[in-house]
Amino acid sequence: MTSSTPLTTPDGRYIVVRGRLWRCTNPELPEPERQAWVERLMRARRDVAQAKRTQDPQAQREARDRVDEAKRALGERGPVWWTDGAPDYTRCMARNTPYAAWYQEVETARG
């Protein structure tokens, strides 16, 4: 794993950023669909930044709505994409979830 590769939980449901879990993209999405939504997400994020720079609250709201739409389509927000009934730990600190022991082990190994 390189410094640019996020730490991913063993079940592939989350990445860990600064100790916090963030839901991964649904791995069942067909690659062309995933790529199209990622491109829309990146464009919307650039539009959010532009709206902030120009202090345009209406444009910022519209861009944020497009970010949300893309993240939901990717499975990163909204209903979970897994089907085993496991709860969603998005935004939780890894140390406060069932991933705590795994995370501690990984962090210890990383030094």
Protein backbone atom coordinates (compact mmCIF):
# COMPACT_ATOMS: atom_id res chain seq x y z
CA MET A 1 0.00 0.00 0.00
CA THR A 2 1.36 3.41 -0.97
CA SER A 3 0.68 6.67 0.84
CA SER A 4 -1.87 7.56 -1.88
CA THR A 5 -3.73 4.26 -1.54
CA PRO A 6 -6.36 4.49 1.18
CA LEU A 7 -6.56 1.84 3.87
CA THR A 8 -9.57 -0.35 3.10
CA THR A 9 -11.41 -2.56 5.57
CA PRO A 10 -11.05 -6.30 4.99
CA ASP A 11 -14.65 -6.57 3.76
CA GLY A 12 -14.10 -3.75 1.24
CA ARG A 13 -16.94 -1.63 2.59
CA TYR A 14 -14.95 1.33 3.87
CA ILE A 15 -11.79 3.31 3.44
CA VAL A 16 -10.18 4.85 6.51
CA VAL A 17 -9.24 8.52 6.45
CA ARG A 18 -7.63 9.94 9.59
CA GLY A 19 -9.15 7.10 11.60
CA ARG A 20 -12.68 7.61 10.26
CA LEU A 21 -14.63 5.17 8.07
CA TRP A 22 -16.01 6.33 4.72
CA ARG A 23 -18.18 4.06 2.59
CA CYS A 24 -16.60 2.73 -0.60
CA THR A 25 -18.21 2.76 -4.01
CA ASN A 26 -20.51 -0.17 -4.73
CA PRO A 27 -18.24 -2.79 -6.31
CA GLU A 28 -21.19 -4.19 -8.28
CA LEU A 29 -21.49 -1.05 -10.43
CA PRO A 30 -20.46 -1.71 -14.02
CA GLU A 31 -17.15 0.04 -14.74
CA PRO A 32 -18.50 2.41 -17.45
CA GLU A 33 -21.30 3.52 -15.11
CA ARG A 34 -18.90 3.94 -12.19
CA GLN A 35 -16.52 5.99 -14.30
CA ALA A 36 -19.31 8.24 -15.59
CA TRP A 37 -20.50 8.96 -12.04
CA VAL A 38 -16.94 9.59 -10.83
CA GLU A 39 -16.47 12.12 -13.63
CA ARG A 40 -19.75 13.83 -12.68
CA LEU A 41 -18.67 13.84 -9.03
CA MET A 42 -15.32 15.46 -9.81
CA ARG A 43 -16.98 18.06 -12.04
CA ALA A 44 -19.50 18.87 -9.30
CA ARG A 45 -16.72 19.20 -6.71
CA ARG A 46 -14.88 21.63 -8.99
CA ASP A 47 -18.12 23.58 -9.36
CA VAL A 48 -18.50 23.74 -5.56
CA ALA A 49 -15.01 25.20 -5.29
CA GLN A 50 -15.71 27.71 -8.06
CA ALA A 51 -18.97 28.79 -6.41
CA LYS A 52 -17.15 29.28 -3.12
CA ARG A 53 -14.50 31.42 -4.81
CA THR A 54 -17.13 33.58 -6.47
CA GLN A 55 -19.30 33.58 -3.35
CA ASP A 56 -22.34 32.36 -5.25
CA PRO A 57 -24.58 30.53 -2.75
CA GLN A 58 -27.10 29.39 -5.37
CA ALA A 59 -24.41 27.85 -7.58
CA GLN A 60 -22.81 26.30 -4.49
CA ARG A 61 -26.13 24.69 -3.44
CA GLU A 62 -26.71 23.32 -6.95
CA ALA A 63 -23.18 21.93 -7.15
CA ARG A 64 -23.47 20.35 -3.70
CA ASP A 65 -26.74 18.73 -4.79
CA ARG A 66 -24.92 17.26 -7.81
CA VAL A 67 -22.15 15.97 -5.50
CA ASP A 68 -24.81 14.28 -3.37
CA GLU A 69 -26.52 12.79 -6.43
CA ALA A 70 -23.24 11.30 -7.68
CA LYS A 71 -22.23 9.93 -4.28
CA ARG A 72 -25.65 8.28 -3.92
CA ALA A 73 -25.39 6.77 -7.41
CA LEU A 74 -21.94 5.41 -6.49
CA GLY A 75 -23.32 3.89 -3.28
CA GLU A 76 -21.22 6.10 -1.01
CA ARG A 77 -24.35 7.69 0.52
CA GLY A 78 -27.94 6.61 0.99
CA PRO A 79 -28.93 2.98 1.42
CA VAL A 80 -26.02 0.59 1.86
CA TRP A 81 -25.07 -1.57 -1.10
CA TRP A 82 -24.36 -4.74 0.86
CA THR A 83 -27.18 -7.17 1.55
CA ASP A 84 -26.23 -9.01 4.75
CA GLY A 85 -28.00 -6.56 7.06
CA ALA A 86 -24.80 -5.17 8.59
CA PRO A 87 -25.17 -1.58 9.84
CA ASP A 88 -23.51 1.39 8.21
CA TYR A 89 -20.54 2.81 10.11
CA THR A 90 -19.84 5.66 7.68
CA ARG A 91 -18.28 8.65 9.46
CA CYS A 92 -17.62 6.63 12.63
CA MET A 93 -14.16 6.44 14.10
CA ALA A 94 -12.79 2.99 13.26
CA ARG A 95 -11.73 2.48 16.89
CA ASN A 96 -15.42 2.73 17.94
CA THR A 97 -16.74 0.09 15.53
CA PRO A 98 -16.46 -3.67 15.03
CA TYR A 99 -13.38 -2.83 12.92
CA ALA A 100 -11.51 -1.61 16.04
CA ALA A 101 -9.25 -4.66 16.54
CA TRP A 102 -8.37 -4.82 12.85
CA TYR A 103 -7.66 -1.09 12.75
CA GLN A 104 -5.48 -1.25 15.87
CA GLU A 105 -3.50 -4.12 14.38
CA VAL A 106 -2.97 -2.26 11.11
CA GLU A 107 -1.96 0.96 12.87
CA THR A 108 0.47 -0.94 15.12
CA ALA A 109 2.03 -2.62 12.09
CA ARG A 110 2.38 0.73 10.30
CA GLY A 111 4.39 2.05 13.19
